[in-house]
N, C-alpha and C. Protein backbone atom coordinates (compact mmCIF):
# COMPACT_ATOMS: atom_id res chain seq x y z
N UNK A 1 49.35 -59.05 -6.62
CA UNK A 1 49.95 -58.40 -5.47
C UNK A 1 50.79 -57.21 -5.95
N UNK A 2 50.67 -56.11 -5.26
CA UNK A 2 51.45 -54.93 -5.66
C UNK A 2 52.88 -54.97 -5.14
N UNK A 3 53.73 -54.22 -5.81
CA UNK A 3 55.13 -54.08 -5.44
C UNK A 3 55.27 -52.77 -4.67
N UNK A 4 55.76 -52.84 -3.44
CA UNK A 4 55.92 -51.67 -2.59
C UNK A 4 57.40 -51.44 -2.29
N UNK A 5 57.77 -50.18 -2.14
CA UNK A 5 59.12 -49.80 -1.74
C UNK A 5 59.10 -49.46 -0.26
N UNK A 6 60.12 -49.94 0.46
CA UNK A 6 60.21 -49.71 1.90
C UNK A 6 61.62 -49.26 2.27
N UNK A 7 61.72 -48.56 3.39
CA UNK A 7 63.01 -48.20 3.99
C UNK A 7 63.05 -48.84 5.38
N UNK A 8 64.10 -49.63 5.63
CA UNK A 8 64.25 -50.29 6.93
C UNK A 8 64.93 -49.35 7.91
N UNK A 9 64.30 -49.14 9.04
CA UNK A 9 64.87 -48.27 10.08
C UNK A 9 66.01 -48.97 10.82
N UNK A 10 66.03 -50.30 10.81
CA UNK A 10 67.05 -51.03 11.56
C UNK A 10 68.39 -51.09 10.81
N UNK A 11 68.36 -51.42 9.51
CA UNK A 11 69.62 -51.56 8.77
C UNK A 11 69.84 -50.44 7.75
N UNK A 12 68.91 -49.49 7.65
CA UNK A 12 69.02 -48.31 6.80
C UNK A 12 69.14 -48.66 5.31
N UNK A 13 68.39 -49.69 4.87
CA UNK A 13 68.39 -50.09 3.46
C UNK A 13 67.01 -49.87 2.86
N UNK A 14 66.99 -49.60 1.55
CA UNK A 14 65.75 -49.49 0.80
C UNK A 14 65.52 -50.81 0.07
N UNK A 15 64.28 -51.33 0.13
CA UNK A 15 63.95 -52.60 -0.50
C UNK A 15 62.61 -52.48 -1.20
N UNK A 16 62.39 -53.33 -2.20
CA UNK A 16 61.09 -53.46 -2.85
C UNK A 16 60.56 -54.85 -2.53
N UNK A 17 59.30 -54.90 -2.08
CA UNK A 17 58.70 -56.17 -1.68
C UNK A 17 57.38 -56.36 -2.39
N UNK A 18 57.13 -57.57 -2.83
CA UNK A 18 55.87 -57.95 -3.45
C UNK A 18 55.03 -58.62 -2.37
N UNK A 19 54.10 -57.84 -1.80
CA UNK A 19 53.31 -58.37 -0.68
C UNK A 19 51.85 -57.93 -0.81
N UNK A 20 51.00 -58.62 -0.08
CA UNK A 20 49.60 -58.22 0.01
C UNK A 20 49.50 -57.02 0.96
N UNK A 21 48.51 -56.20 0.75
CA UNK A 21 48.33 -55.02 1.60
C UNK A 21 48.01 -55.43 3.04
N UNK A 22 47.42 -56.61 3.24
CA UNK A 22 47.05 -57.05 4.57
C UNK A 22 48.23 -57.68 5.34
N UNK A 23 49.32 -58.03 4.64
CA UNK A 23 50.49 -58.65 5.29
C UNK A 23 51.38 -57.59 5.93
N UNK A 24 52.10 -57.99 6.98
CA UNK A 24 53.08 -57.11 7.62
C UNK A 24 54.45 -57.44 7.03
N UNK A 25 55.10 -56.47 6.39
CA UNK A 25 56.39 -56.75 5.76
C UNK A 25 57.54 -56.82 6.77
N UNK A 26 58.55 -57.60 6.44
CA UNK A 26 59.79 -57.64 7.22
C UNK A 26 60.96 -57.43 6.26
N UNK A 27 62.03 -56.86 6.76
CA UNK A 27 63.19 -56.57 5.93
C UNK A 27 63.89 -57.87 5.53
N UNK A 28 64.15 -58.07 4.24
CA UNK A 28 64.84 -59.29 3.81
C UNK A 28 66.32 -59.30 4.21
N UNK A 29 66.90 -58.13 4.49
CA UNK A 29 68.32 -58.06 4.86
C UNK A 29 68.56 -58.42 6.32
N UNK A 30 67.78 -57.79 7.22
CA UNK A 30 68.04 -57.98 8.65
C UNK A 30 66.90 -58.67 9.38
N UNK A 31 65.74 -58.82 8.73
CA UNK A 31 64.60 -59.45 9.37
C UNK A 31 63.81 -58.52 10.29
N UNK A 32 64.17 -57.25 10.29
CA UNK A 32 63.50 -56.29 11.16
C UNK A 32 62.12 -55.91 10.66
N UNK A 33 61.18 -55.68 11.58
CA UNK A 33 59.82 -55.34 11.19
C UNK A 33 59.56 -53.84 11.05
N UNK A 34 60.57 -53.01 11.33
CA UNK A 34 60.37 -51.56 11.32
C UNK A 34 60.64 -50.98 9.93
N UNK A 35 59.64 -51.08 9.06
CA UNK A 35 59.77 -50.60 7.69
C UNK A 35 58.81 -49.44 7.45
N UNK A 36 59.31 -48.41 6.80
CA UNK A 36 58.48 -47.29 6.36
C UNK A 36 58.21 -47.46 4.87
N UNK A 37 56.93 -47.36 4.50
CA UNK A 37 56.60 -47.48 3.09
C UNK A 37 56.93 -46.17 2.38
N UNK A 38 57.65 -46.28 1.26
CA UNK A 38 58.08 -45.12 0.51
C UNK A 38 57.12 -44.85 -0.64
N UNK A 39 57.13 -43.64 -1.11
CA UNK A 39 56.34 -43.27 -2.26
C UNK A 39 57.04 -43.79 -3.51
N UNK A 40 56.39 -44.65 -4.27
CA UNK A 40 56.99 -45.24 -5.47
C UNK A 40 56.72 -44.36 -6.67
N UNK A 41 57.72 -44.26 -7.53
CA UNK A 41 57.58 -43.50 -8.77
C UNK A 41 57.45 -44.46 -9.94
N UNK A 42 56.68 -44.05 -10.92
CA UNK A 42 56.56 -44.86 -12.13
C UNK A 42 57.52 -44.32 -13.17
N UNK A 43 57.85 -45.15 -14.14
CA UNK A 43 58.75 -44.72 -15.22
C UNK A 43 58.00 -43.76 -16.12
N UNK A 44 58.66 -42.70 -16.57
CA UNK A 44 58.01 -41.79 -17.51
C UNK A 44 57.61 -42.53 -18.78
N UNK A 45 56.43 -42.23 -19.29
CA UNK A 45 55.89 -42.98 -20.42
C UNK A 45 56.77 -42.92 -21.66
N UNK A 46 57.36 -41.78 -21.93
CA UNK A 46 58.17 -41.63 -23.13
C UNK A 46 59.48 -42.40 -23.11
N UNK A 47 59.98 -42.76 -21.94
CA UNK A 47 61.28 -43.42 -21.84
C UNK A 47 61.17 -44.94 -21.74
N UNK A 48 60.02 -45.47 -21.51
CA UNK A 48 59.88 -46.91 -21.29
C UNK A 48 60.34 -47.74 -22.49
N UNK A 49 59.94 -47.34 -23.69
CA UNK A 49 60.31 -48.11 -24.88
C UNK A 49 61.81 -48.10 -25.10
N UNK A 50 62.46 -46.95 -24.87
CA UNK A 50 63.91 -46.90 -25.09
C UNK A 50 64.65 -47.69 -24.02
N UNK A 51 64.12 -47.73 -22.79
CA UNK A 51 64.74 -48.53 -21.73
C UNK A 51 64.67 -50.02 -22.06
N UNK A 52 63.52 -50.46 -22.55
CA UNK A 52 63.35 -51.86 -22.92
C UNK A 52 64.28 -52.21 -24.08
N UNK A 53 64.37 -51.32 -25.06
CA UNK A 53 65.22 -51.58 -26.22
C UNK A 53 66.69 -51.69 -25.81
N UNK A 54 67.15 -50.79 -24.92
CA UNK A 54 68.55 -50.86 -24.49
C UNK A 54 68.82 -52.09 -23.62
N UNK A 55 67.85 -52.48 -22.80
CA UNK A 55 68.02 -53.68 -21.97
C UNK A 55 68.08 -54.93 -22.83
N UNK A 56 67.25 -54.99 -23.87
CA UNK A 56 67.28 -56.14 -24.78
C UNK A 56 68.58 -56.18 -25.56
N UNK A 57 69.09 -55.02 -25.97
CA UNK A 57 70.36 -54.98 -26.69
C UNK A 57 71.50 -55.47 -25.81
N UNK A 58 71.49 -55.08 -24.54
CA UNK A 58 72.53 -55.55 -23.62
C UNK A 58 72.41 -57.05 -23.40
N UNK A 59 71.18 -57.55 -23.25
CA UNK A 59 70.98 -58.99 -23.08
C UNK A 59 71.47 -59.75 -24.30
N UNK A 60 71.23 -59.20 -25.49
CA UNK A 60 71.69 -59.86 -26.72
C UNK A 60 73.21 -59.90 -26.78
N UNK A 61 73.86 -58.81 -26.36
CA UNK A 61 75.32 -58.78 -26.36
C UNK A 61 75.89 -59.82 -25.39
N UNK A 62 75.17 -60.06 -24.30
CA UNK A 62 75.63 -61.01 -23.30
C UNK A 62 75.18 -62.44 -23.60
N UNK A 63 74.37 -62.62 -24.64
CA UNK A 63 73.94 -63.95 -25.03
C UNK A 63 72.70 -64.46 -24.32
N UNK A 64 71.91 -63.58 -23.73
CA UNK A 64 70.68 -63.98 -23.04
C UNK A 64 69.49 -63.69 -23.95
N UNK A 65 68.83 -64.73 -24.43
CA UNK A 65 67.71 -64.54 -25.33
C UNK A 65 66.42 -65.12 -24.77
N UNK A 66 66.36 -65.44 -23.51
CA UNK A 66 65.19 -66.10 -22.95
C UNK A 66 63.96 -65.18 -22.94
N UNK A 67 64.16 -63.86 -22.95
CA UNK A 67 63.02 -62.95 -22.92
C UNK A 67 62.59 -62.52 -24.32
N UNK A 68 63.11 -63.14 -25.36
CA UNK A 68 62.78 -62.84 -26.73
C UNK A 68 61.86 -63.90 -27.30
N UNK A 69 60.99 -63.51 -28.22
CA UNK A 69 60.22 -64.52 -28.94
C UNK A 69 61.13 -65.10 -30.04
N UNK A 70 60.73 -66.20 -30.64
CA UNK A 70 61.56 -66.85 -31.66
C UNK A 70 61.84 -65.91 -32.83
N UNK A 71 60.86 -65.08 -33.20
CA UNK A 71 61.05 -64.18 -34.33
C UNK A 71 62.04 -63.04 -34.02
N UNK A 72 62.24 -62.74 -32.75
CA UNK A 72 63.16 -61.66 -32.37
C UNK A 72 64.59 -62.15 -32.15
N UNK A 73 64.79 -63.44 -32.06
CA UNK A 73 66.12 -63.98 -31.80
C UNK A 73 66.98 -63.93 -33.07
N UNK A 74 68.29 -63.67 -32.90
CA UNK A 74 69.15 -63.65 -34.08
C UNK A 74 69.29 -65.05 -34.67
N UNK A 75 69.53 -65.08 -35.94
CA UNK A 75 69.64 -66.40 -36.62
C UNK A 75 71.07 -66.82 -36.76
């Protein structure tokens, strides 16, 4: 299932929803059905590795290692 970005006309919030293309989305905040699908942007290819590295470093500082393999965990 694809991840789509929507803007709710009722509560004026932007949300991302994982739904089938055949389903009708509803806003998780207010339950309203009036959602406009937004154009989603992808991450630039050159920055993805540095974003992952910085996110993993922050997780390590906070003590979260669940997304690491055993070889990547500190000893």
